[in-house]
C-alpha atoms as a PDB file:
ATOM      1  CA  MET A   1    -123.586 -88.794 -12.762  1.00  0.00           C
ATOM      2  CA  LYS A   2    -127.346 -88.492 -12.927  1.00  0.00           C
ATOM      3  CA  ILE A   3    -129.334 -86.416 -10.480  1.00  0.00           C
ATOM      4  CA  LYS A   4    -132.359 -88.052  -9.113  1.00  0.00           C
ATOM      5  CA  ASN A   5    -135.610 -86.257  -9.455  1.00  0.00           C
ATOM      6  CA  ASP A   6    -136.278 -86.380  -5.758  1.00  0.00           C
ATOM      7  CA  GLU A   7    -132.994 -84.640  -4.872  1.00  0.00           C
ATOM      8  CA  PRO A   8    -133.216 -80.886  -4.135  1.00  0.00           C
ATOM      9  CA  THR A   9    -131.888 -78.579  -6.856  1.00  0.00           C
ATOM     10  CA  MET A  10    -130.535 -75.013  -6.611  1.00  0.00           C
ATOM     11  CA  ARG A  11    -133.114 -72.361  -7.491  1.00  0.00           C
ATOM     12  CA  MET A  12    -131.766 -69.662  -9.817  1.00  0.00           C
ATOM     13  CA  THR A  13    -132.787 -66.101  -8.918  1.00  0.00           C
ATOM     14  CA  SER A  14    -132.347 -62.880 -10.819  1.00  0.00           C
ATOM     15  CA  ARG A  15    -130.543 -61.164  -7.915  1.00  0.00           C
ATOM     16  CA  PRO A  16    -127.758 -62.767  -5.895  1.00  0.00           C
ATOM     17  CA  PRO A  17    -127.868 -62.330  -2.141  1.00  0.00           C
ATOM     18  CA  VAL A  18    -126.037 -59.244  -0.771  1.00  0.00           C
ATOM     19  CA  PRO A  19    -123.221 -60.015   1.660  1.00  0.00           C
ATOM     20  CA  ARG A  20    -123.825 -58.818   5.181  1.00  0.00           C
ATOM     21  CA  ASP A  21    -120.717 -56.570   5.235  1.00  0.00           C
ATOM     22  CA  LEU A  22    -121.858 -54.672   2.083  1.00  0.00           C
ATOM     23  CA  SER A  23    -125.387 -53.959   3.158  1.00  0.00           C
ATOM     24  CA  ILE A  24    -126.500 -50.278   3.193  1.00  0.00           C
ATOM     25  CA  ARG A  25    -127.255 -48.742   6.533  1.00  0.00           C
ATOM     26  CA  ALA A  26    -127.761 -45.237   7.969  1.00  0.00           C
ATOM     27  CA  TRP A  27    -125.308 -43.353  10.206  1.00  0.00           C
ATOM     28  CA  THR A  28    -125.548 -43.997  13.881  1.00  0.00           C
ATOM     29  CA  PHE A  29    -126.213 -41.178  16.312  1.00  0.00           C
ATOM     30  CA  VAL A  30    -122.616 -41.307  17.580  1.00  0.00           C
ATOM     31  CA  GLU A  31    -121.220 -40.980  14.039  1.00  0.00           C
ATOM     32  CA  MET A  32    -123.429 -37.948  13.397  1.00  0.00           C
ATOM     33  CA  LEU A  33    -122.161 -36.271  16.560  1.00  0.00           C
ATOM     34  CA  VAL A  34    -118.541 -36.856  15.529  1.00  0.00           C
ATOM     35  CA  ALA A  35    -119.146 -35.414  12.020  1.00  0.00           C
ATOM     36  CA  ILE A  36    -120.881 -32.325  13.431  1.00  0.00           C
ATOM     37  CA  ALA A  37    -118.075 -31.786  15.950  1.00  0.00           C
ATOM     38  CA  LEU A  38    -115.377 -31.989  13.236  1.00  0.00           C
ATOM     39  CA  SER A  39    -117.289 -29.559  11.024  1.00  0.00           C
ATOM     40  CA  ALA A  40    -117.627 -27.103  13.908  1.00  0.00           C
ATOM     41  CA  ILE A  41    -113.884 -27.285  14.614  1.00  0.00           C
ATOM     42  CA  PHE A  42    -113.037 -26.674  10.947  1.00  0.00           C
ATOM     43  CA  LEU A  43    -115.410 -23.720  10.607  1.00  0.00           C
ATOM     44  CA  GLY A  44    -114.174 -22.228  13.856  1.00  0.00           C
ATOM     45  CA  ALA A  45    -110.533 -22.425  12.744  1.00  0.00           C
ATOM     46  CA  ALA A  46    -111.376 -20.931   9.324  1.00  0.00           C
ATOM     47  CA  THR A  47    -113.189 -18.033  11.012  1.00  0.00           C
ATOM     48  CA  LEU A  48    -110.173 -17.258  13.219  1.00  0.00           C
ATOM     49  CA  VAL A  49    -107.807 -17.313  10.228  1.00  0.00           C
ATOM     50  CA  TYR A  50    -110.077 -15.022   8.217  1.00  0.00           C
ATOM     51  CA  GLN A  51    -110.415 -12.628  11.159  1.00  0.00           C
ATOM     52  CA  SER A  52    -106.634 -12.527  11.597  1.00  0.00           C
ATOM     53  CA  ILE A  53    -106.074 -11.759   7.907  1.00  0.00           C
ATOM     54  CA  THR A  54    -108.708  -9.033   7.947  1.00  0.00           C
ATOM     55  CA  ILE A  55    -107.323  -7.348  11.062  1.00  0.00           C
ATOM     56  CA  ASN A  56    -103.712  -7.481   9.869  1.00  0.00           C
ATOM     57  CA  SER A  57    -104.572  -6.150   6.418  1.00  0.00           C
ATOM     58  CA  LYS A  58    -106.246  -3.127   7.977  1.00  0.00           C
ATOM     59  CA  ARG A  59    -103.388  -2.657  10.360  1.00  0.00           C
ATOM     60  CA  LEU A  60    -100.682  -2.748   7.678  1.00  0.00           C
ATOM     61  CA  THR A  61    -102.491  -0.748   4.998  1.00  0.00           C
ATOM     62  CA  THR A  62    -102.772   3.036   5.074  1.00  0.00           C
ATOM     63  CA  ILE A  63    -104.497   5.331   2.597  1.00  0.00           C
ATOM     64  CA  LEU A  64    -102.677   8.627   2.223  1.00  0.00           C
ATOM     65  CA  ASP A  65    -103.158  11.938   0.447  1.00  0.00           C
ATOM     66  CA  VAL A  66     -99.886  12.373  -1.425  1.00  0.00           C
ATOM     67  CA  ASN A  67     -99.002  15.832  -2.761  1.00  0.00           C
ATOM     68  CA  ILE A  68     -97.142  15.252  -6.037  1.00  0.00           C
ATOM     69  CA  GLY A  69     -97.986  18.609  -7.584  1.00  0.00           C
ATOM     70  CA  GLU A  70    -100.505  19.563 -10.255  1.00  0.00           C
ATOM     71  CA  LYS A  71     -98.081  19.283 -13.169  1.00  0.00           C
ATOM     72  CA  PHE A  72     -97.513  15.604 -12.398  1.00  0.00           C
ATOM     73  CA  ASN A  73    -101.235  14.935 -11.928  1.00  0.00           C
ATOM     74  CA  LEU A  74    -102.016  16.568 -15.252  1.00  0.00           C
ATOM     75  CA  ASN A  75     -99.236  14.780 -17.100  1.00  0.00           C
ATOM     76  CA  PHE A  76     -99.848  11.371 -15.546  1.00  0.00           C
ATOM     77  CA  TYR A  77    -103.618  11.187 -15.190  1.00  0.00           C
ATOM     78  CA  GLY A  78    -105.071  14.268 -16.889  1.00  0.00           C
ATOM     79  CA  VAL A  79    -106.583  15.610 -13.655  1.00  0.00           C
ATOM     80  CA  SER A  80    -106.057  18.906 -11.862  1.00  0.00           C
ATOM     81  CA  GLY A  81    -105.041  19.359  -8.255  1.00  0.00           C
ATOM     82  CA  ASP A  82    -101.887  18.701  -6.288  1.00  0.00           C
ATOM     83  CA  VAL A  83    -102.973  15.675  -4.266  1.00  0.00           C
ATOM     84  CA  ILE A  84    -103.613  12.075  -5.198  1.00  0.00           C
ATOM     85  CA  ARG A  85    -104.948   9.460  -2.791  1.00  0.00           C
ATOM     86  CA  THR A  86    -103.178   6.116  -2.763  1.00  0.00           C
ATOM     87  CA  TYR A  87    -102.169   3.177  -0.582  1.00  0.00           C
ATOM     88  CA  SER A  88     -98.842   2.920   1.162  1.00  0.00           C
ATOM     89  CA  ALA A  89     -96.647  -0.149   0.954  1.00  0.00           C
ATOM     90  CA  PRO A  90     -96.993  -2.891   1.936  1.00  0.00           C
ATOM     91  CA  ASN A  91    -100.378  -3.458   0.324  1.00  0.00           C
ATOM     92  CA  TYR A  92    -101.032  -7.031  -0.765  1.00  0.00           C
ATOM     93  CA  GLY A  93    -104.285  -6.338  -2.563  1.00  0.00           C
ATOM     94  CA  LYS A  94    -102.576  -3.910  -4.916  1.00  0.00           C
ATOM     95  CA  ALA A  95     -99.732  -6.373  -5.364  1.00  0.00           C
ATOM     96  CA  ALA A  96    -102.258  -8.793  -6.853  1.00  0.00           C
ATOM     97  CA  LEU A  97    -103.229  -6.042  -9.311  1.00  0.00           C
ATOM     98  CA  VAL A  98     -99.605  -5.690 -10.409  1.00  0.00           C
ATOM     99  CA  GLN A  99     -99.682  -9.326 -11.513  1.00  0.00           C
ATOM    100  CA  GLU A 100    -102.347  -8.322 -14.043  1.00  0.00           C
ATOM    101  CA  PHE A 101    -100.178  -5.403 -15.163  1.00  0.00           C
ATOM    102  CA  ARG A 102     -97.227  -7.701 -15.734  1.00  0.00           C
ATOM    103  CA  ASP A 103     -99.419  -9.965 -17.868  1.00  0.00           C
ATOM    104  CA  MET A 104    -100.674  -6.900 -19.780  1.00  0.00           C
ATOM    105  CA  LEU A 105     -97.093  -5.787 -20.420  1.00  0.00           C
ATOM    106  CA  LEU A 106     -96.248  -9.211 -21.850  1.00  0.00           C
ATOM    107  CA  GLU A 107     -99.387  -9.180 -24.021  1.00  0.00           C
ATOM    108  CA  ASP A 108     -98.420  -5.771 -25.432  1.00  0.00           C
ATOM    109  CA  CYS A 109     -94.969  -7.152 -26.133  1.00  0.00           C
ATOM    110  CA  ASP A 110     -96.438 -10.102 -28.057  1.00  0.00           C
ATOM    111  CA  SER A 111     -98.417  -7.652 -30.228  1.00  0.00           C
ATOM    112  CA  SER A 112     -95.353  -5.523 -31.049  1.00  0.00           C
ATOM    113  CA  ASN A 113     -92.451  -5.996 -33.415  1.00  0.00           C
ATOM    114  CA  ALA A 114     -90.015  -3.723 -31.567  1.00  0.00           C
ATOM    115  CA  VAL A 115     -89.647  -2.549 -27.953  1.00  0.00           C
ATOM    116  CA  PHE A 116     -87.403   0.322 -26.873  1.00  0.00           C
ATOM    117  CA  CYS A 117     -86.777   1.498 -23.281  1.00  0.00           C
ATOM    118  CA  LEU A 118     -85.596   5.081 -22.838  1.00  0.00           C
ATOM    119  CA  PRO A 119     -84.525   6.621 -19.508  1.00  0.00           C
ATOM    120  CA  ARG A 120     -85.475  10.162 -18.546  1.00  0.00           C
ATOM    121  CA  ASN A 121     -85.591  12.582 -15.627  1.00  0.00           C
ATOM    122  CA  LYS A 122     -88.311  14.830 -17.044  1.00  0.00           C
ATOM    123  CA  LEU A 123     -92.009  14.410 -17.774  1.00  0.00           C
ATOM    124  CA  ASN A 124     -92.843  12.655 -21.020  1.00  0.00           C
ATOM    125  CA  THR A 125     -95.241  14.463 -23.356  1.00  0.00           C
ATOM    126  CA  LEU A 126     -94.537  12.375 -26.458  1.00  0.00           C
ATOM    127  CA  ARG A 127     -97.299   9.744 -26.767  1.00  0.00           C
ATOM    128  CA  PRO A 128     -98.268   9.697 -30.459  1.00  0.00           C
ATOM    129  CA  GLU A 129    -100.229   7.118 -32.417  1.00  0.00           C
ATOM    130  CA  PHE A 130     -97.694   7.163 -35.284  1.00  0.00           C
ATOM    131  CA  PHE A 131     -94.096   8.144 -35.993  1.00  0.00           C
ATOM    132  CA  ARG A 132     -93.258   9.507 -39.433  1.00  0.00           C
ATOM    133  CA  TYR A 133     -91.040   7.133 -41.409  1.00  0.00           C
ATOM    134  CA  ALA A 134     -90.019   8.952 -44.588  1.00  0.00           C
ATOM    135  CA  ALA A 135     -87.676   6.153 -45.668  1.00  0.00           C
ATOM    136  CA  GLY A 136     -90.721   3.947 -46.181  1.00  0.00           C
ATOM    137  CA  ASP A 137     -92.397   6.218 -48.747  1.00  0.00           C
ATOM    138  CA  PRO A 138     -92.578   4.749 -52.265  1.00  0.00           C
ATOM    139  CA  GLY A 139     -89.604   5.989 -54.272  1.00  0.00           C
ATOM    140  CA  SER A 140     -87.966   7.609 -51.244  1.00  0.00           C
ATOM    141  CA  THR A 141     -84.216   8.164 -51.380  1.00  0.00           C
ATOM    142  CA  VAL A 142     -83.969   8.649 -47.594  1.00  0.00           C
ATOM    143  CA  GLN A 143     -81.646   6.102 -46.044  1.00  0.00           C
ATOM    144  CA  ARG A 144     -83.436   3.626 -43.809  1.00  0.00           C
ATOM    145  CA  PRO A 145     -82.363   3.987 -40.180  1.00  0.00           C
ATOM    146  CA  VAL A 146     -81.029   0.929 -38.395  1.00  0.00           C
ATOM    147  CA  LEU A 147     -83.165   0.550 -35.266  1.00  0.00           C
ATOM    148  CA  ASP A 148     -81.277  -2.176 -33.423  1.00  0.00           C
ATOM    149  CA  SER A 149     -80.885  -0.666 -29.932  1.00  0.00           C
ATOM    150  CA  PRO A 150     -82.523   1.850 -27.597  1.00  0.00           C
ATOM    151  CA  GLU A 151     -79.816   4.366 -28.505  1.00  0.00           C
ATOM    152  CA  SER A 152     -80.468   4.068 -32.250  1.00  0.00           C
ATOM    153  CA  PHE A 153     -84.200   4.524 -31.589  1.00  0.00           C
ATOM    154  CA  ARG A 154     -83.460   7.619 -29.479  1.00  0.00           C
ATOM    155  CA  THR A 155     -81.494   9.057 -32.413  1.00  0.00           C
ATOM    156  CA  PHE A 156     -84.338   8.243 -34.817  1.00  0.00           C
ATOM    157  CA  LEU A 157     -86.838   9.821 -32.436  1.00  0.00           C
ATOM    158  CA  ALA A 158     -84.834  13.060 -32.394  1.00  0.00           C
ATOM    159  CA  SER A 159     -85.054  13.241 -36.190  1.00  0.00           C
ATOM    160  CA  VAL A 160     -88.839  12.760 -36.419  1.00  0.00           C
ATOM    161  CA  GLU A 161     -89.862  14.380 -33.122  1.00  0.00           C
ATOM    162  CA  PRO A 162     -87.363  17.180 -32.343  1.00  0.00           C
ATOM    163  CA  THR A 163     -88.983  17.919 -28.962  1.00  0.00           C
ATOM    164  CA  SER A 164     -87.863  14.470 -27.788  1.00  0.00           C
ATOM    165  CA  THR A 165     -84.293  15.730 -27.353  1.00  0.00           C
ATOM    166  CA  GLY A 166     -85.405  17.701 -24.318  1.00  0.00           C
ATOM    167  CA  ILE A 167     -86.969  14.587 -22.776  1.00  0.00           C
ATOM    168  CA  TYR A 168     -84.560  11.809 -23.712  1.00  0.00           C
ATOM    169  CA  ASP A 169     -81.224  13.547 -23.265  1.00  0.00           C
ATOM    170  CA  ALA A 170     -79.144  10.593 -22.047  1.00  0.00           C
ATOM    171  CA  SER A 171     -77.561   7.925 -24.241  1.00  0.00           C
ATOM    172  CA  ILE A 172     -78.541   4.358 -23.397  1.00  0.00           C
ATOM    173  CA  ARG A 173     -76.870   1.060 -24.255  1.00  0.00           C
ATOM    174  CA  THR A 174     -76.999  -0.973 -21.040  1.00  0.00           C
ATOM    175  CA  THR A 175     -78.549   0.492 -17.873  1.00  0.00           C
ATOM    176  CA  PRO A 176     -79.797   4.065 -17.326  1.00  0.00           C
ATOM    177  CA  PRO A 177     -77.566   6.653 -15.668  1.00  0.00           C
ATOM    178  CA  THR A 178     -78.354   7.313 -12.013  1.00  0.00           C
ATOM    179  CA  THR A 179     -79.481  10.825 -12.947  1.00  0.00           C
ATOM    180  CA  HIS A 180     -82.416   9.386 -14.944  1.00  0.00           C
ATOM    181  CA  PRO A 181     -84.613   7.312 -12.618  1.00  0.00           C
ATOM    182  CA  SER A 182     -87.771   7.289 -14.787  1.00  0.00           C
ATOM    183  CA  THR A 183     -88.431   5.257 -17.930  1.00  0.00           C
ATOM    184  CA  THR A 184     -90.626   5.230 -21.030  1.00  0.00           C
ATOM    185  CA  ILE A 185     -91.191   2.001 -22.972  1.00  0.00           C
ATOM    186  CA  TYR A 186     -92.201   2.430 -26.620  1.00  0.00           C
ATOM    187  CA  MET A 187     -93.857  -0.621 -28.176  1.00  0.00           C
ATOM    188  CA  LEU A 188     -94.054  -0.388 -31.963  1.00  0.00           C
ATOM    189  CA  SER A 189     -96.558  -2.305 -34.089  1.00  0.00           C
ATOM    190  CA  PRO A 190     -95.966  -3.966 -37.467  1.00  0.00           C
ATOM    191  CA  GLU A 191     -96.237  -1.545 -40.381  1.00  0.00           C
ATOM    192  CA  THR A 192     -99.690  -0.763 -41.779  1.00  0.00           C
ATOM    193  CA  ASN A 193     -98.520   2.247 -43.804  1.00  0.00           C
ATOM    194  CA  PRO A 194     -94.983   2.207 -45.251  1.00  0.00           C
ATOM    195  CA  GLY A 195     -94.545   5.892 -44.479  1.00  0.00           C
ATOM    196  CA  TYR A 196     -95.402   5.614 -40.785  1.00  0.00           C
ATOM    197  CA  ILE A 197     -94.576   3.489 -37.741  1.00  0.00           C
ATOM    198  CA  ARG A 198     -97.565   2.715 -35.571  1.00  0.00           C
ATOM    199  CA  VAL A 199     -97.158   2.871 -31.784  1.00  0.00           C
ATOM    200  CA  HIS A 200     -98.955  -0.064 -30.194  1.00  0.00           C
ATOM    201  CA  ALA A 201     -98.631   1.157 -26.590  1.00  0.00           C
ATOM    202  CA  ILE A 202     -96.464   3.329 -24.359  1.00  0.00           C
ATOM    203  CA  TRP A 203     -95.589   2.404 -20.769  1.00  0.00           C
ATOM    204  CA  GLU A 204     -94.188   4.890 -18.276  1.00  0.00           C
ATOM    205  CA  ILE A 205     -92.656   4.414 -14.834  1.00  0.00           C
ATOM    206  CA  ASP A 206     -92.000   7.430 -12.619  1.00  0.00           C
ATOM    207  CA  PHE A 207     -90.791   8.086  -9.092  1.00  0.00           C
ATOM    208  CA  ILE A 208     -91.762  11.364  -7.403  1.00  0.00           C
ATOM    209  CA  THR A 209     -90.771  12.856  -4.058  1.00  0.00           C
ATOM    210  CA  PRO A 210     -93.959  14.282  -2.481  1.00  0.00           C
ATOM    211  CA  THR A 211     -93.930  17.713  -0.909  1.00  0.00           C
ATOM    212  CA  ASN A 212     -95.970  16.700   2.152  1.00  0.00           C
ATOM    213  CA  LEU A 213     -94.448  13.302   2.972  1.00  0.00           C
ATOM    214  CA  ALA A 214     -90.954  11.918   3.411  1.00  0.00           C
ATOM    215  CA  GLY A 215     -90.846   9.024   1.007  1.00  0.00           C
ATOM    216  CA  THR A 216     -91.337   8.118  -2.662  1.00  0.00           C
ATOM    217  CA  TYR A 217     -94.442   7.998  -4.832  1.00  0.00           C
ATOM    218  CA  ALA A 218     -94.290   5.437  -7.669  1.00  0.00           C
ATOM    219  CA  SER A 219     -96.568   5.447 -10.713  1.00  0.00           C
ATOM    220  CA  VAL A 220     -96.790   2.874 -13.526  1.00  0.00           C
ATOM    221  CA  ARG A 221     -99.011   3.788 -16.491  1.00  0.00           C
ATOM    222  CA  ARG A 222    -100.062   2.515 -19.902  1.00  0.00           C
ATOM    223  CA  TYR A 223    -101.078   4.819 -22.766  1.00  0.00           C
ATOM    224  CA  LYS A 224    -102.545   4.091 -26.171  1.00  0.00           C
ATOM    225  CA  ASN A 225    -103.140   6.828 -28.759  1.00  0.00           C
ATOM    226  CA  ASN A 226    -102.199   9.440 -26.142  1.00  0.00           C
ATOM    227  CA  THR A 227    -104.927   8.154 -23.806  1.00  0.00           C
ATOM    228  CA  LEU A 228    -104.323   6.707 -20.353  1.00  0.00           C
ATOM    229  CA  THR A 229    -105.766   3.185 -20.283  1.00  0.00           C
ATOM    230  CA  ASP A 230    -104.416   1.657 -17.052  1.00  0.00           C
ATOM    231  CA  PHE A 231    -102.232   2.551 -14.091  1.00  0.00           C
ATOM    232  CA  TYR A 232    -101.260   1.584 -10.572  1.00  0.00           C
ATOM    233  CA  ASP A 233     -99.481   3.660  -7.948  1.00  0.00           C
ATOM    234  CA  THR A 234     -98.046   3.214  -4.458  1.00  0.00           C
ATOM    235  CA  TYR A 235     -96.463   5.365  -1.777  1.00  0.00           C
ATOM    236  CA  PHE A 236     -93.271   4.037  -0.172  1.00  0.00           C
ATOM    237  CA  SER A 237     -92.575   5.579   3.227  1.00  0.00           C
ATOM    238  CA  GLU A 238     -89.071   6.793   4.008  1.00  0.00           C
ATOM    239  CA  GLY A 239     -86.296   4.488   5.102  1.00  0.00           C
ATOM    240  CA  THR A 240     -82.572   3.913   4.785  1.00  0.00           C
ATOM    241  CA  GLY A 241     -82.828   1.734   1.686  1.00  0.00           C
ATOM    242  CA  ASP A 242     -81.398   2.541  -1.729  1.00  0.00           C
ATOM    243  CA  PRO A 243     -83.538   4.038  -4.526  1.00  0.00           C
ATOM    244  CA  PHE A 244     -85.419   1.699  -6.873  1.00  0.00           C
ATOM    245  CA  PHE A 245     -82.756   1.638  -9.567  1.00  0.00           C
ATOM    246  CA  PRO A 246     -82.181   0.667 -12.322  1.00  0.00           C
ATOM    247  CA  LEU A 247     -85.621   0.136 -13.827  1.00  0.00           C
ATOM    248  CA  PHE A 248     -84.238  -1.890 -16.718  1.00  0.00           C
ATOM    249  CA  ALA A 249     -81.109  -3.429 -18.202  1.00  0.00           C
ATOM    250  CA  THR A 250     -80.451  -4.032 -21.902  1.00  0.00           C
ATOM    251  CA  PHE A 251     -78.682  -7.168 -23.131  1.00  0.00           C
ATOM    252  CA  GLU A 252     -77.320  -7.152 -26.684  1.00  0.00           C
ATOM    253  CA  ARG A 253     -76.505 -10.096 -28.933  1.00  0.00           C
ATOM    254  CA  ALA A 254     -73.328 -11.988 -28.107  1.00  0.00           C
ATOM    255  CA  SER A 255     -72.203 -11.654 -31.735  1.00  0.00           C
ATOM    256  CA  ARG A 256     -71.542  -7.976 -31.059  1.00  0.00           C
ATOM    257  CA  GLN A 257     -68.545  -8.954 -28.960  1.00  0.00           C
ATOM    258  CA  ALA A 258     -66.641  -8.962 -32.236  1.00  0.00           C
ATOM    259  CA  VAL A 259     -66.372  -5.198 -31.742  1.00  0.00           C
ATOM    260  CA  SER A 260     -64.723  -4.223 -28.463  1.00  0.00           C
ATOM    261  CA  GLU A 261     -66.335  -1.192 -26.807  1.00  0.00           C
ATOM    262  CA  GLY A 262     -65.012  -1.503 -23.269  1.00  0.00           C
ATOM    263  CA  THR A 263     -66.056  -3.631 -20.299  1.00  0.00           C
ATOM    264  CA  ALA A 264     -69.017  -1.423 -19.297  1.00  0.00           C
ATOM    265  CA  ILE A 265     -70.752  -2.239 -22.606  1.00  0.00           C
ATOM    266  CA  ASP A 266     -69.194  -5.546 -23.687  1.00  0.00           C
ATOM    267  CA  ARG A 267     -70.301  -7.334 -20.509  1.00  0.00           C
ATOM    268  CA  PHE A 268     -73.935  -6.903 -21.608  1.00  0.00           C
ATOM    269  CA  LYS A 269     -73.335  -8.637 -24.961  1.00  0.00           C
ATOM    270  CA  VAL A 270     -74.551 -12.021 -23.794  1.00  0.00           C
ATOM    271  CA  ALA A 271     -77.832 -12.719 -25.660  1.00  0.00           C
ATOM    272  CA  ARG A 272     -77.418 -15.828 -27.815  1.00  0.00           C
ATOM    273  CA  GLY A 273     -80.363 -14.845 -29.998  1.00  0.00           C
ATOM    274  CA  ASN A 274     -82.736 -11.927 -29.728  1.00  0.00           C
ATOM    275  CA  PRO A 275     -81.534  -8.958 -27.617  1.00  0.00           C
ATOM    276  CA  PHE A 276     -83.732  -8.465 -24.579  1.00  0.00           C
ATOM    277  CA  TYR A 277     -84.494  -6.370 -21.507  1.00  0.00           C
ATOM    278  CA  MET A 278     -84.831  -7.091 -17.823  1.00  0.00           C
ATOM    279  CA  ILE A 279     -87.475  -4.747 -16.397  1.00  0.00           C
ATOM    280  CA  TRP A 280     -88.274  -4.273 -12.713  1.00  0.00           C
ATOM    281  CA  LEU A 281     -91.732  -3.047 -11.692  1.00  0.00           C
ATOM    282  CA  PRO A 282     -92.370  -1.422  -8.275  1.00  0.00           C
ATOM    283  CA  ASP A 283     -93.884  -3.911  -5.833  1.00  0.00           C
ATOM    284  CA  PRO A 284     -96.691  -2.542  -3.588  1.00  0.00           C
ATOM    285  CA  ALA A 285     -96.099  -5.440  -1.183  1.00  0.00           C
ATOM    286  CA  ASN A 286     -92.416  -4.617  -0.715  1.00  0.00           C
ATOM    287  CA  ASN A 287     -91.196  -1.255   0.575  1.00  0.00           C
ATOM    288  CA  PHE A 288     -87.722  -1.071  -0.950  1.00  0.00           C
ATOM    289  CA  LEU A 289     -86.827   1.920   1.231  1.00  0.00           C
ATOM    290  CA  LYS A 290     -87.079  -0.281   4.322  1.00  0.00           C
ATOM    291  CA  HIS A 291     -84.335  -2.608   3.087  1.00  0.00           C
ATOM    292  CA  PRO A 292     -80.810  -2.097   4.435  1.00  0.00           C
ATOM    293  CA  PRO A 293     -78.354  -0.467   2.016  1.00  0.00           C
ATOM    294  CA  PHE A 294     -77.062  -3.018  -0.468  1.00  0.00           C
ATOM    295  CA  THR A 295     -73.410  -4.001  -0.676  1.00  0.00           C
ATOM    296  CA  GLY A 296     -72.422  -5.349  -4.080  1.00  0.00           C
ATOM    297  CA  THR A 297     -70.286  -8.448  -4.531  1.00  0.00           C
ATOM    298  CA  ASP A 298     -70.242  -9.052  -8.291  1.00  0.00           C
ATOM    299  CA  PRO A 299     -67.105  -8.067 -10.225  1.00  0.00           C
ATOM    300  CA  VAL A 300     -67.213  -5.173 -12.690  1.00  0.00           C
ATOM    301  CA  THR A 301     -66.771  -7.660 -15.538  1.00  0.00           C
ATOM    302  CA  SER A 302     -70.231  -9.110 -14.798  1.00  0.00           C
ATOM    303  CA  PRO A 303     -73.421  -7.402 -16.026  1.00  0.00           C
ATOM    304  CA  ARG A 304     -75.013  -8.281 -12.674  1.00  0.00           C
ATOM    305  CA  GLN A 305     -72.757  -5.736 -11.013  1.00  0.00           C
ATOM    306  CA  ALA A 306     -74.908  -2.982 -12.574  1.00  0.00           C
ATOM    307  CA  TYR A 307     -78.238  -4.256 -11.215  1.00  0.00           C
ATOM    308  CA  GLU A 308     -77.545  -6.700  -8.385  1.00  0.00           C
ATOM    309  CA  GLY A 309     -78.911  -4.129  -5.947  1.00  0.00           C
ATOM    310  CA  MET A 310     -82.422  -4.974  -7.196  1.00  0.00           C
ATOM    311  CA  THR A 311     -82.200  -8.362  -5.504  1.00  0.00           C
ATOM    312  CA  GLY A 312     -85.187  -8.902  -3.200  1.00  0.00           C
ATOM    313  CA  ARG A 313     -86.667  -5.458  -3.850  1.00  0.00           C
ATOM    314  CA  THR A 314     -89.564  -6.569  -6.027  1.00  0.00           C
ATOM    315  CA  SER A 315     -91.410  -9.721  -6.996  1.00  0.00           C
ATOM    316  CA  PHE A 316     -92.180  -8.373 -10.447  1.00  0.00           C
ATOM    317  CA  THR A 317     -89.240  -8.841 -12.787  1.00  0.00           C
ATOM    318  CA  VAL A 318     -90.046  -9.135 -16.499  1.00  0.00           C
ATOM    319  CA  ALA A 319     -87.807 -10.315 -19.327  1.00  0.00           C
ATOM    320  CA  ILE A 320     -89.014  -9.147 -22.741  1.00  0.00           C
ATOM    321  CA  PRO A 321     -87.360  -9.364 -26.169  1.00  0.00           C
ATOM    322  CA  MET A 322     -86.365  -6.222 -28.006  1.00  0.00           C
ATOM    323  CA  PHE A 323     -87.842  -7.661 -31.215  1.00  0.00           C
ATOM    324  CA  PRO A 324     -90.701 -10.003 -30.236  1.00  0.00           C
ATOM    325  CA  ASN A 325     -91.461 -11.108 -33.810  1.00  0.00           C
ATOM    326  CA  LEU A 326     -87.954 -12.431 -34.503  1.00  0.00           C
END
């Protein structure tokens, strides 16, 4: 059909008309009042929450002068004096710091090729950079020791560092004896010299009964080359709860069940691959002495029976392999 010249035609424009419902307009005065009112309510609520947290944190946290004795101060921190100032549990700020310590422990584990936990009830003075390894010398006829458990490492340590026998005087295959509440963790690096074993880092966990307070002082420290690099500590006020024990449990390879050594040891032979440890770190946010005494329920045939009392006593449980590089 032809369009006559006198009929109107549609004019094409470069910009189509904007629908009325999509047009841009400013806020009305009423809308501004509503937005300001909502913002004021939100800020007011946030201020009250912040004030409550601040008041409660001050109320629950106490800084104390804890008398642990000069010999502990010198051995732990290299400082003189009997007293150390620390926070009492619960302290949630320090609990956040422990998260960093747990990550640091795992990083040290990743950089090591062997990890050995040894229980003790005396101060540790053995923090070397190297251990002598005569079996690694070229042409040596010394039989290579088999370091496949904490107990075999303790035996090796006695041969290269005789003073260690006075520190690590308890055999260890599973969990520490109740008479040895403290622990040293030796993390060994890959060999750089065949005649020596390098120590990547040493971790120590100690519990001390202060002379001026009724409670327990806990200290967790990291050393490298006999130098203190990091630590955290907390005071746990007295209560009816059980001691923080055990600090670790050792799980051996399941293949070792081929040799029967009795239920107390065989029940810990459950690792399908690499043997590993369960390690419990003191929790500044959780005063374990304020818990009611624990009543066990696991049978003696279960490894849990040896450490089920640690349930709910800390938020910082770490599982690390005995041989991280395998």
